[in-house]
Amino acid sequence: MSTTRREIISASALTALSYSRVMGANDRVQMGLIGCGDRGTHVMQLFQASQRVDVVALCDVYPAKIDDAKTKSKASSAKAYHEHQELIANKSVDVTLIATPDHWHSTVAIDALNAKKDVYVEKPLTLKIEEGPAIVKAARVNERICQVGMQQRSGRHYLQAKAEYLDSGKLGKVPLCRTWWHGNGYHLRKAPASLQTKPSNLDWSRFLGPVKWRDYDPQQYFNWRAYLDFGGGQVTDLFTHWIDVVHMFMGQDTPVSASASGGVYAYKDGRTAPDTINVLLEYPTQFTATFEATLVPGITGAGIEFCGTEGKLWIDRSRYEFTPKGRGATPVVVPAEPGTPPLNDSLTQSHVNNFLDCVKSRKLPNGDVLIGHRSAQASHLGNIAYMQKRKIDFDPQREEILPF
């Protein structure tokens, strides 16, 4: 990576020109949602719960999804759009919430940023490893706020655990960070009867977008996370959350190597993303991070362990536990801050609120686009190692995969 490019994507502050769009004390943010699926509609409702947002525009390739979003929210008067460019051209829209399938993230985010919209985009930021720097550049050049939906960055108990055990040195040297996420049933969803034949107003061609043509497949539309043309499977959907926590706690966000092994072992249903996967990343500050996941119901649960010379720190979205070294040591257990169940909603609400604060202040948000790029990049390296069936060596300065 050239010096100029790194300077662009590593900018730590926005210039005074950004203040030209700062909201007044009593102004409400006008938001457009692009991608009205389950996650997009849910996060839209959290934006509305902030009491600072009016949803004025909704966009999806399937009008039934727009109707559903209107039914579940206070957005009945929102204008409906078929193509994201039309929504972005709406001058009244201040911010865009992007919750499309992953293969559309890069195009939609860059278009929105170039149109001077602030952006909240669901993770992973990218489908492909090479897409990240261009999104970061678009955010910096256009002086836009771009928050990636990695809500642990706004979780009080995550920040508390980091300060108490990592920043203080109480955990000691940490050479191993273990992560796992088992039994995530969302990746096993079956398309309902209503989608077995393509609805006449579902724009399959628009859904495919940059992906090569194939005939309509209800599973690829409904359960797109199981197909590597549209997403990165469990690695980018789940590991991206956890590796971002590792990056946040360890102060290192770019691996030097990646290895992976796995496959479609249990669910022979046409999916191309592995149902079982193991990833190993190595970092230049002498630690490794692992990820283990399977969809089979024999094991469930998710978490992270930071294994140090002075003890172990375990953390998930509900609590953290510190166990000092030594046989029979009693763990210290600290629950997450109480919030509206489920706990993920509380984390995401805090993340949404941080984004809205930054839209006004023009400060970089907790899950800034550069952070989102680096966590997606680490996940992509794991998937590339899996697909190429080899160890990947990576230059952390130039952010380039090294040749064989």
Protein backbone atom coordinates (compact mmCIF):
# COMPACT_ATOMS: atom_id res chain seq x y z
CA MET A 1 0.00 0.00 0.00
CA SER A 2 1.44 3.38 -0.96
CA THR A 3 1.94 6.11 1.62
CA THR A 4 -0.75 8.25 0.03
CA ARG A 5 -3.30 5.47 0.12
CA ARG A 6 -2.54 4.58 3.73
CA GLU A 7 -2.82 8.23 4.73
CA ILE A 8 -6.25 8.33 3.12
CA ILE A 9 -7.66 5.26 4.84
CA SER A 10 -5.96 5.88 8.20
CA ALA A 11 -7.22 9.42 8.69
CA SER A 12 -8.18 9.79 12.33
CA ALA A 13 -10.32 12.90 12.08
CA LEU A 14 -12.67 14.63 9.69
CA THR A 15 -11.97 18.14 8.49
CA ALA A 16 -13.92 21.27 9.36
CA LEU A 17 -15.72 21.05 6.04
CA SER A 18 -17.66 18.10 7.41
CA TYR A 19 -19.50 20.39 9.79
CA SER A 20 -21.50 21.81 6.89
CA ARG A 21 -24.05 19.02 7.41
CA VAL A 22 -24.10 18.89 11.20
CA MET A 23 -27.65 18.56 12.43
CA GLY A 24 -29.19 21.32 14.53
CA ALA A 25 -30.02 20.59 18.16
CA ASN A 26 -33.70 19.99 17.33
CA ASP A 27 -33.30 18.46 13.86
CA ARG A 28 -34.20 14.83 13.19
CA VAL A 29 -32.15 12.55 10.98
CA GLN A 30 -33.88 11.47 7.76
CA MET A 31 -32.97 7.86 7.00
CA GLY A 32 -33.32 5.51 4.06
CA LEU A 33 -33.13 1.71 4.44
CA ILE A 34 -31.61 -0.29 1.58
CA GLY A 35 -32.36 -3.98 2.04
CA CYS A 36 -35.62 -4.64 3.90
CA GLY A 37 -34.97 -8.17 5.09
CA ASP A 38 -35.19 -9.39 8.68
CA ARG A 39 -31.98 -7.72 9.85
CA GLY A 40 -32.49 -4.46 7.99
CA THR A 41 -36.04 -4.04 9.28
CA HIS A 42 -34.98 -4.88 12.82
CA VAL A 43 -32.08 -2.42 12.90
CA MET A 44 -34.35 0.21 11.32
CA GLN A 45 -36.67 -0.21 14.31
CA LEU A 46 -33.72 0.36 16.66
CA PHE A 47 -32.95 3.57 14.80
CA GLN A 48 -36.55 4.61 15.33
CA ALA A 49 -36.30 3.69 19.01
CA SER A 50 -33.60 6.34 19.39
CA GLN A 51 -36.34 8.95 18.92
CA ARG A 52 -34.00 10.87 16.62
CA VAL A 53 -34.79 9.33 13.24
CA ASP A 54 -37.51 9.52 10.62
CA VAL A 55 -37.51 6.70 8.07
CA VAL A 56 -38.39 8.42 4.81
CA ALA A 57 -37.30 5.87 2.18
CA LEU A 58 -37.25 2.09 1.77
CA CYS A 59 -35.57 0.07 -1.00
CA ASP A 60 -35.68 -3.62 -1.88
CA VAL A 61 -35.77 -5.85 -4.96
CA TYR A 62 -38.98 -7.46 -3.60
CA PRO A 63 -41.87 -5.05 -2.86
CA ALA A 64 -43.33 -7.49 -0.33
CA LYS A 65 -40.31 -6.82 1.87
CA ILE A 66 -40.94 -3.08 1.72
CA ASP A 67 -44.58 -3.65 2.68
CA ASP A 68 -43.46 -5.85 5.58
CA ALA A 69 -41.01 -3.19 6.78
CA LYS A 70 -43.78 -0.59 6.72
CA THR A 71 -46.08 -2.86 8.71
CA LYS A 72 -43.47 -3.48 11.41
CA SER A 73 -42.48 0.16 11.85
CA LYS A 74 -43.59 3.76 11.90
CA ALA A 75 -42.52 4.12 8.28
CA SER A 76 -45.89 3.75 6.57
CA SER A 77 -45.38 7.01 4.68
CA ALA A 78 -41.84 6.19 3.54
CA LYS A 79 -41.28 6.36 -0.19
CA ALA A 80 -40.59 2.99 -1.83
CA TYR A 81 -37.72 2.43 -4.26
CA HIS A 82 -36.70 -0.48 -6.45
CA GLU A 83 -33.07 0.54 -7.09
CA HIS A 84 -30.69 1.92 -4.50
CA GLN A 85 -29.47 4.71 -6.80
CA GLU A 86 -32.96 6.19 -6.81
CA LEU A 87 -33.12 6.27 -3.02
CA ILE A 88 -29.64 7.76 -2.74
CA ALA A 89 -30.61 10.51 -5.18
CA ASN A 90 -33.32 11.63 -2.75
CA LYS A 91 -31.91 14.89 -1.34
CA SER A 92 -33.97 14.62 1.84
CA VAL A 93 -32.14 11.44 2.93
CA ASP A 94 -29.32 12.23 5.39
CA VAL A 95 -28.17 8.69 6.23
CA THR A 96 -28.53 5.27 4.68
CA LEU A 97 -28.83 1.98 6.53
CA ILE A 98 -27.43 -0.75 4.26
CA ALA A 99 -28.62 -4.28 5.04
CA THR A 100 -28.46 -5.94 1.63
CA PRO A 101 -26.82 -9.32 1.08
CA ASP A 102 -23.04 -9.00 1.30
CA HIS A 103 -22.41 -9.01 -2.46
CA TRP A 104 -24.12 -5.61 -2.73
CA HIS A 105 -22.41 -3.92 0.25
CA SER A 106 -19.46 -2.42 -1.63
CA THR A 107 -21.43 -0.93 -4.53
CA VAL A 108 -24.22 0.51 -2.39
CA ALA A 109 -21.89 1.90 0.29
CA ILE A 110 -19.61 3.65 -2.21
CA ASP A 111 -22.58 5.08 -4.11
CA ALA A 112 -24.09 6.40 -0.87
CA LEU A 113 -20.81 7.89 0.37
CA ASN A 114 -20.15 9.55 -2.98
CA ALA A 115 -23.64 11.05 -2.74
CA LYS A 116 -22.58 12.64 0.59
CA LYS A 117 -24.75 10.36 2.72
CA ASP A 118 -23.57 9.11 6.10
CA VAL A 119 -23.73 5.32 6.17
CA TYR A 120 -24.49 2.57 8.67
CA VAL A 121 -23.69 -0.73 6.96
CA GLU A 122 -24.19 -4.21 8.37
CA LYS A 123 -21.16 -6.42 8.70
CA PRO A 124 -19.21 -7.74 6.96
CA LEU A 125 -18.28 -4.53 5.20
CA THR A 126 -17.27 -6.45 2.08
CA LEU A 127 -17.77 -9.67 0.15
CA LYS A 128 -14.25 -9.62 -1.33
CA ILE A 129 -10.99 -8.68 0.30
CA GLU A 130 -10.11 -6.11 -2.39
CA GLU A 131 -13.30 -4.10 -1.87
CA GLY A 132 -12.42 -2.65 1.52
CA PRO A 133 -9.88 0.08 0.70
CA ALA A 134 -12.20 1.65 -1.89
CA ILE A 135 -15.02 1.99 0.66
CA VAL A 136 -12.66 3.49 3.23
CA LYS A 137 -11.36 5.94 0.64
CA ALA A 138 -14.91 6.96 -0.34
CA ALA A 139 -15.74 7.67 3.31
CA ARG A 140 -12.58 9.72 3.85
CA VAL A 141 -12.63 11.67 0.58
CA ASN A 142 -16.31 12.56 1.01
CA GLU A 143 -15.86 13.26 4.74
CA ARG A 144 -18.70 10.95 5.70
CA ILE A 145 -19.46 9.03 8.86
CA CYS A 146 -19.47 5.28 8.11
CA GLN A 147 -20.31 2.87 10.92
CA VAL A 148 -20.04 -0.90 10.39
CA GLY A 149 -22.49 -3.02 12.38
CA MET A 150 -20.04 -4.68 14.76
CA GLN A 151 -21.96 -3.82 17.89
CA GLN A 152 -19.49 -5.25 20.40
CA ARG A 153 -17.49 -2.03 19.85
CA SER A 154 -20.26 -0.17 21.68
CA GLY A 155 -20.80 -2.76 24.42
CA ARG A 156 -20.00 -1.44 27.89
CA HIS A 157 -18.96 -4.80 29.31
CA TYR A 158 -16.60 -5.37 26.37
CA LEU A 159 -14.94 -2.02 26.98
CA GLN A 160 -14.83 -2.69 30.72
CA ALA A 161 -13.20 -6.11 30.27
CA LYS A 162 -10.63 -4.68 27.87
CA ALA A 163 -9.64 -1.91 30.28
CA GLU A 164 -9.61 -4.16 33.35
CA TYR A 165 -7.61 -7.08 31.98
CA LEU A 166 -5.90 -6.25 28.67
CA ASP A 167 -5.00 -2.58 28.98
CA SER A 168 -3.89 -3.01 32.59
CA GLY A 169 -1.68 -6.00 31.79
CA LYS A 170 -3.49 -8.09 34.43
CA LEU A 171 -3.94 -10.94 31.95
CA GLY A 172 -0.23 -11.04 31.18
CA LYS A 173 1.11 -12.05 27.79
CA VAL A 174 -1.69 -13.39 25.56
CA PRO A 175 -0.36 -15.75 22.87
CA LEU A 176 -3.70 -17.42 22.07
CA CYS A 177 -7.20 -16.06 21.39
CA ARG A 178 -9.83 -18.77 20.88
CA THR A 179 -13.21 -18.04 19.29
CA TRP A 180 -16.13 -20.29 18.42
CA TRP A 181 -19.75 -20.04 17.28
CA HIS A 182 -21.61 -23.33 17.00
CA GLY A 183 -25.13 -24.28 15.96
CA ASN A 184 -26.21 -21.04 14.30
CA GLY A 185 -29.49 -22.21 12.80
CA TYR A 186 -29.97 -19.11 10.67
CA HIS A 187 -27.61 -20.69 8.12
CA LEU A 188 -29.96 -23.67 7.80
CA ARG A 189 -33.13 -21.77 6.89
CA LYS A 190 -35.46 -23.26 4.28
CA ALA A 191 -37.29 -21.08 1.77
CA PRO A 192 -41.05 -20.97 2.49
CA ALA A 193 -43.66 -22.29 0.07
CA SER A 194 -44.43 -18.74 -1.07
CA LEU A 195 -40.95 -18.48 -2.63
CA GLN A 196 -40.69 -21.91 -4.27
CA THR A 197 -41.90 -20.28 -7.48
CA LYS A 198 -40.46 -16.83 -8.08
CA PRO A 199 -42.98 -14.11 -7.23
CA SER A 200 -43.72 -12.06 -10.34
CA ASN A 201 -42.52 -8.83 -8.69
CA LEU A 202 -39.29 -10.21 -7.20
CA ASP A 203 -36.47 -8.85 -9.35
CA TRP A 204 -34.11 -11.84 -9.43
CA SER A 205 -31.77 -10.16 -11.89
CA ARG A 206 -31.41 -7.15 -9.61
CA PHE A 207 -30.85 -9.44 -6.62
CA LEU A 208 -27.96 -11.13 -8.46
CA GLY A 209 -26.44 -7.79 -9.41
CA PRO A 210 -22.69 -8.33 -9.95
CA VAL A 211 -22.97 -12.12 -9.51
CA LYS A 212 -23.00 -14.25 -12.66
CA TRP A 213 -26.39 -15.29 -13.95
CA ARG A 214 -28.17 -18.42 -12.78
CA ASP A 215 -31.86 -19.33 -12.88
CA TYR A 216 -33.99 -18.42 -9.89
CA ASP A 217 -33.28 -20.58 -6.86
CA PRO A 218 -35.46 -20.01 -3.77
CA GLN A 219 -32.71 -21.20 -1.45
CA GLN A 220 -30.08 -18.89 -2.90
CA TYR A 221 -32.47 -15.98 -2.51
CA PHE A 222 -33.83 -16.83 0.95
CA ASN A 223 -30.73 -18.40 2.55
CA TRP A 224 -28.03 -16.54 0.63
CA ARG A 225 -25.56 -16.80 3.54
CA ALA A 226 -25.06 -20.46 2.62
CA TYR A 227 -23.63 -19.54 -0.79
CA LEU A 228 -20.17 -18.08 -1.28
CA ASP A 229 -21.28 -16.01 -4.29
CA PHE A 230 -23.40 -13.88 -1.95
CA GLY A 231 -21.64 -14.08 1.42
CA GLY A 232 -18.75 -15.66 3.27
CA GLY A 233 -20.66 -18.25 5.26
CA GLN A 234 -20.06 -18.58 8.98
CA VAL A 235 -16.61 -17.01 8.70
CA THR A 236 -17.75 -13.55 7.59
CA ASP A 237 -21.18 -13.73 9.24
CA LEU A 238 -20.00 -14.85 12.70
CA PHE A 239 -16.21 -14.81 12.96
CA THR A 240 -16.11 -11.18 11.80
CA HIS A 241 -17.84 -10.22 15.07
CA TRP A 242 -15.41 -12.18 17.20
CA ILE A 243 -12.20 -11.32 15.37
CA ASP A 244 -13.18 -7.67 15.70
CA VAL A 245 -13.27 -8.13 19.49
CA VAL A 246 -9.83 -9.76 19.29
CA HIS A 247 -8.55 -6.79 17.30
CA MET A 248 -10.07 -4.33 19.77
CA PHE A 249 -8.64 -6.08 22.84
CA MET A 250 -5.22 -6.98 21.41
CA GLY A 251 -4.51 -3.70 19.61
CA GLN A 252 -3.54 -5.53 16.43
CA ASP A 253 -5.84 -5.78 13.41
CA THR A 254 -3.90 -7.23 10.49
CA PRO A 255 -2.77 -10.90 10.35
CA VAL A 256 0.42 -12.08 8.70
CA SER A 257 -0.90 -15.55 7.83
CA ALA A 258 -4.08 -17.59 7.61
CA SER A 259 -4.87 -21.29 7.46
CA ALA A 260 -8.23 -23.04 7.37
CA SER A 261 -9.86 -26.42 6.98
CA GLY A 262 -13.43 -27.56 6.71
CA GLY A 263 -16.14 -28.44 4.25
CA VAL A 264 -19.77 -29.22 3.54
CA TYR A 265 -19.81 -32.36 5.65
CA ALA A 266 -23.35 -32.67 7.03
CA TYR A 267 -25.78 -30.64 4.92
CA LYS A 268 -25.69 -31.73 1.29
CA ASP A 269 -28.36 -29.27 0.21
CA GLY A 270 -26.52 -27.35 -2.51
CA ARG A 271 -24.78 -24.89 -0.21
CA THR A 272 -21.26 -23.82 -1.12
CA ALA A 273 -20.23 -22.31 2.23
CA PRO A 274 -18.82 -24.95 4.61
CA ASP A 275 -21.08 -26.19 7.38
CA THR A 276 -17.98 -26.94 9.46
CA ILE A 277 -14.90 -24.72 9.50
CA ASN A 278 -11.70 -24.09 11.46
CA VAL A 279 -9.61 -20.95 10.89
CA LEU A 280 -6.18 -20.05 12.28
CA LEU A 281 -4.74 -16.53 11.98
CA GLU A 282 -1.26 -15.43 13.06
CA TYR A 283 -0.49 -11.82 14.04
CA PRO A 284 2.84 -9.96 13.99
CA THR A 285 2.76 -9.23 17.73
CA GLN A 286 3.17 -12.94 18.44
CA PHE A 287 -0.29 -14.33 19.02
CA THR A 288 -2.73 -16.53 17.12
CA ALA A 289 -6.50 -16.30 16.83
CA THR A 290 -8.66 -19.33 16.05
CA PHE A 291 -12.27 -19.80 14.98
CA GLU A 292 -14.26 -23.01 15.19
CA ALA A 293 -17.81 -23.43 13.92
CA THR A 294 -20.21 -26.14 12.90
CA LEU A 295 -23.92 -26.04 12.10
CA VAL A 296 -24.69 -29.52 13.43
CA PRO A 297 -26.90 -29.44 16.56
CA GLY A 298 -24.57 -31.61 18.63
CA ILE A 299 -22.79 -28.52 19.93
CA THR A 300 -24.06 -24.99 20.44
CA GLY A 301 -22.82 -21.73 21.91
CA ALA A 302 -20.43 -18.91 21.09
CA GLY A 303 -17.65 -17.09 22.88
CA ILE A 304 -14.07 -15.83 23.01
CA GLU A 305 -11.21 -16.83 25.31
CA PHE A 306 -8.08 -14.72 25.78
CA CYS A 307 -5.52 -17.15 27.18
CA GLY A 308 -2.81 -15.29 29.10
CA THR A 309 0.18 -16.04 31.28
CA GLU A 310 -1.74 -14.75 34.31
CA GLY A 311 -5.13 -16.29 33.63
CA LYS A 312 -8.02 -16.57 31.18
CA LEU A 313 -10.60 -14.00 30.10
CA TRP A 314 -13.82 -15.45 28.63
CA ILE A 315 -16.41 -13.14 27.08
CA ASP A 316 -19.61 -13.21 25.07
CA ARG A 317 -22.60 -10.88 24.68
CA SER A 318 -24.02 -11.76 28.10
CA ARG A 319 -21.01 -11.46 30.46
CA TYR A 320 -17.29 -11.85 30.96
CA GLU A 321 -15.35 -14.10 33.31
CA PHE A 322 -11.76 -13.80 34.48
CA THR A 323 -10.12 -16.89 35.95
CA PRO A 324 -6.68 -16.30 37.52
CA LYS A 325 -3.97 -18.86 36.89
CA GLY A 326 -3.62 -21.66 39.39
CA ARG A 327 -5.56 -24.78 40.26
CA GLY A 328 -8.93 -24.16 41.85
CA ALA A 329 -8.93 -20.42 41.17
CA THR A 330 -12.32 -18.75 41.55
CA PRO A 331 -13.50 -16.87 38.45
CA VAL A 332 -14.68 -13.26 38.59
CA VAL A 333 -18.00 -13.01 36.71
CA VAL A 334 -19.35 -9.67 35.47
CA PRO A 335 -22.69 -9.60 33.61
CA ALA A 336 -23.39 -7.31 30.68
CA GLU A 337 -25.19 -4.09 31.39
CA PRO A 338 -28.91 -4.85 31.73
CA GLY A 339 -30.87 -3.86 28.67
CA THR A 340 -33.94 -4.69 26.68
CA PRO A 341 -33.79 -8.44 25.86
CA PRO A 342 -32.31 -9.94 23.88
CA LEU A 343 -28.86 -8.68 24.82
CA ASN A 344 -27.85 -8.26 21.18
CA ASP A 345 -30.57 -5.60 20.85
CA SER A 346 -29.05 -3.62 23.71
CA LEU A 347 -25.62 -3.76 22.09
CA THR A 348 -26.96 -2.80 18.68
CA GLN A 349 -29.02 0.03 20.15
CA SER A 350 -25.87 1.45 21.75
CA HIS A 351 -24.06 1.11 18.42
CA VAL A 352 -26.88 2.88 16.56
CA ASN A 353 -26.89 5.65 19.16
CA ASN A 354 -23.12 6.07 18.78
CA PHE A 355 -23.54 6.43 15.02
CA LEU A 356 -26.23 9.06 15.43
CA ASP A 357 -24.08 10.96 17.93
CA CYS A 358 -21.25 10.97 15.38
CA VAL A 359 -23.53 12.12 12.56
CA LYS A 360 -23.97 15.23 14.64
CA SER A 361 -20.48 15.63 16.13
CA ARG A 362 -18.57 14.39 13.03
CA LYS A 363 -16.29 12.30 15.25
CA LEU A 364 -15.27 8.84 14.07
CA PRO A 365 -17.74 6.20 15.29
CA ASN A 366 -16.90 3.15 17.40
CA GLY A 367 -17.13 0.81 14.40
CA ASP A 368 -15.50 3.12 11.88
CA VAL A 369 -15.19 1.95 8.28
CA LEU A 370 -11.43 1.30 8.61
CA ILE A 371 -12.06 -0.95 11.61
CA GLY A 372 -14.79 -2.73 9.63
CA HIS A 373 -12.46 -3.19 6.68
CA ARG A 374 -9.73 -4.75 8.81
CA SER A 375 -12.06 -7.22 10.55
CA ALA A 376 -13.66 -8.25 7.26
CA GLN A 377 -10.18 -8.57 5.75
CA ALA A 378 -9.08 -11.00 8.48
CA SER A 379 -12.19 -13.11 7.88
CA HIS A 380 -11.64 -13.08 4.12
CA LEU A 381 -8.10 -14.37 4.61
CA GLY A 382 -9.56 -17.35 6.45
CA ASN A 383 -12.02 -18.03 3.63
CA ILE A 384 -9.33 -17.64 0.97
CA ALA A 385 -7.13 -20.14 2.82
CA TYR A 386 -10.08 -22.53 2.96
CA MET A 387 -10.91 -22.18 -0.73
CA GLN A 388 -7.31 -22.37 -1.94
CA LYS A 389 -6.47 -25.21 0.45
CA ARG A 390 -3.19 -23.60 1.48
CA LYS A 391 -1.59 -21.36 4.04
CA ILE A 392 -1.95 -17.69 3.06
CA ASP A 393 0.92 -15.32 3.84
CA PHE A 394 -0.11 -11.68 4.09
CA ASP A 395 1.84 -8.42 4.04
CA PRO A 396 0.24 -6.31 6.82
CA GLN A 397 1.77 -3.07 5.56
CA ARG A 398 0.78 -3.31 1.92
CA GLU A 399 -2.30 -5.38 2.76
CA GLU A 400 -1.54 -7.84 0.00
CA ILE A 401 -1.51 -11.63 -0.22
CA LEU A 402 2.03 -12.80 -0.91
CA PRO A 403 2.73 -15.09 -3.87
CA PHE A 404 3.42 -18.78 -3.42
